[in-house]
Amino acid sequence: MSSDEDDNEKVLDLIGSIARRLLSQKATLGKDELIEALELLSKSTLDRRVRENSIRAIQMLSHRLH
């Protein structure tokens, strides 16, 4: 696995962890932390689909925050 793939995997793991906490009844993290993780993923990935989906998710979450 290349360094870029390792980084993407780490970010995806982080997003999954944050999403699980947000969806649990004991959520201790906010949507802003999920947005930050998605922004990191969108900026660090070389995969166009991952970048586009991350940006779309950021837009959806940002809309719900305001």
C-alpha atoms as a PDB file:
ATOM      1  CA  MET A   1       0.000   0.000   0.000  1.00  0.00           C
ATOM      2  CA  SER A   2       1.415   3.415  -0.933  1.00  0.00           C
ATOM      3  CA  SER A   3       1.712   6.385   1.383  1.00  0.00           C
ATOM      4  CA  ASP A   4      -1.279   8.116  -0.266  1.00  0.00           C
ATOM      5  CA  GLU A   5      -3.390   4.988   0.173  1.00  0.00           C
ATOM      6  CA  ASP A   6      -2.298   4.744   3.821  1.00  0.00           C
ATOM      7  CA  ASP A   7      -3.259   8.389   4.413  1.00  0.00           C
ATOM      8  CA  ASN A   8      -6.646   7.905   2.756  1.00  0.00           C
ATOM      9  CA  GLU A   9      -7.272   4.797   4.842  1.00  0.00           C
ATOM     10  CA  LYS A  10      -6.409   6.661   8.062  1.00  0.00           C
ATOM     11  CA  VAL A  11      -8.721   9.534   7.199  1.00  0.00           C
ATOM     12  CA  LEU A  12     -11.546   7.150   6.265  1.00  0.00           C
ATOM     13  CA  ASP A  13     -11.076   5.340   9.591  1.00  0.00           C
ATOM     14  CA  LEU A  14     -11.233   8.672  11.412  1.00  0.00           C
ATOM     15  CA  ILE A  15     -14.400   9.693   9.568  1.00  0.00           C
ATOM     16  CA  GLY A  16     -15.995   6.334  10.344  1.00  0.00           C
ATOM     17  CA  SER A  17     -15.150   6.691  14.014  1.00  0.00           C
ATOM     18  CA  ILE A  18     -16.543  10.216  14.189  1.00  0.00           C
ATOM     19  CA  ALA A  19     -19.697   9.244  12.277  1.00  0.00           C
ATOM     20  CA  ARG A  20     -20.358   6.329  14.659  1.00  0.00           C
ATOM     21  CA  ARG A  21     -20.047   8.662  17.643  1.00  0.00           C
ATOM     22  CA  LEU A  22     -22.343  11.230  16.054  1.00  0.00           C
ATOM     23  CA  LEU A  23     -24.951   8.588  15.383  1.00  0.00           C
ATOM     24  CA  SER A  24     -24.772   7.100  18.873  1.00  0.00           C
ATOM     25  CA  GLN A  25     -26.908   8.421  21.671  1.00  0.00           C
ATOM     26  CA  LYS A  26     -23.740   9.353  23.546  1.00  0.00           C
ATOM     27  CA  ALA A  27     -22.387  11.657  20.864  1.00  0.00           C
ATOM     28  CA  THR A  28     -19.493  13.675  22.238  1.00  0.00           C
ATOM     29  CA  LEU A  29     -18.236  15.001  18.910  1.00  0.00           C
ATOM     30  CA  GLY A  30     -19.807  17.612  16.724  1.00  0.00           C
ATOM     31  CA  LYS A  31     -20.509  17.889  13.051  1.00  0.00           C
ATOM     32  CA  ASP A  32     -17.702  20.429  12.746  1.00  0.00           C
ATOM     33  CA  GLU A  33     -15.183  17.698  13.565  1.00  0.00           C
ATOM     34  CA  LEU A  34     -16.630  15.478  10.874  1.00  0.00           C
ATOM     35  CA  ILE A  35     -16.457  18.369   8.410  1.00  0.00           C
ATOM     36  CA  GLU A  36     -12.790  18.923   9.306  1.00  0.00           C
ATOM     37  CA  ALA A  37     -12.013  15.260   8.646  1.00  0.00           C
ATOM     38  CA  LEU A  38     -13.858  15.392   5.325  1.00  0.00           C
ATOM     39  CA  GLU A  39     -11.959  18.540   4.333  1.00  0.00           C
ATOM     40  CA  LEU A  40      -8.680  16.808   5.108  1.00  0.00           C
ATOM     41  CA  LEU A  41      -9.725  13.836   2.999  1.00  0.00           C
ATOM     42  CA  SER A  42     -10.849  15.995   0.076  1.00  0.00           C
ATOM     43  CA  LYS A  43      -7.523  17.845   0.056  1.00  0.00           C
ATOM     44  CA  SER A  44      -5.291  14.809   0.491  1.00  0.00           C
ATOM     45  CA  THR A  45      -6.828  12.234  -1.836  1.00  0.00           C
ATOM     46  CA  LEU A  46      -5.847  11.632  -5.427  1.00  0.00           C
ATOM     47  CA  ASP A  47      -9.116   9.801  -6.090  1.00  0.00           C
ATOM     48  CA  ARG A  48     -11.519  12.154  -7.875  1.00  0.00           C
ATOM     49  CA  ARG A  49     -14.615  10.277  -6.649  1.00  0.00           C
ATOM     50  CA  VAL A  50     -13.505  10.414  -3.030  1.00  0.00           C
ATOM     51  CA  ARG A  51     -12.779  14.146  -3.366  1.00  0.00           C
ATOM     52  CA  GLU A  52     -16.160  14.888  -4.983  1.00  0.00           C
ATOM     53  CA  ASN A  53     -18.084  12.806  -2.443  1.00  0.00           C
ATOM     54  CA  SER A  54     -16.210  14.428   0.441  1.00  0.00           C
ATOM     55  CA  ILE A  55     -17.020  17.898  -0.860  1.00  0.00           C
ATOM     56  CA  ARG A  56     -20.669  16.936  -1.318  1.00  0.00           C
ATOM     57  CA  ALA A  57     -20.814  15.592   2.244  1.00  0.00           C
ATOM     58  CA  ILE A  58     -19.193  18.782   3.570  1.00  0.00           C
ATOM     59  CA  GLN A  59     -21.809  20.878   1.795  1.00  0.00           C
ATOM     60  CA  MET A  60     -24.651  18.767   3.194  1.00  0.00           C
ATOM     61  CA  LEU A  61     -23.323  18.891   6.758  1.00  0.00           C
ATOM     62  CA  SER A  62     -22.546  22.611   6.551  1.00  0.00           C
ATOM     63  CA  HIS A  63     -26.082  23.307   5.415  1.00  0.00           C
ATOM     64  CA  ARG A  64     -27.441  21.427   8.431  1.00  0.00           C
ATOM     65  CA  LEU A  65     -25.229  23.397  10.817  1.00  0.00           C
ATOM     66  CA  HIS A  66     -26.538  26.795   9.737  1.00  0.00           C
END
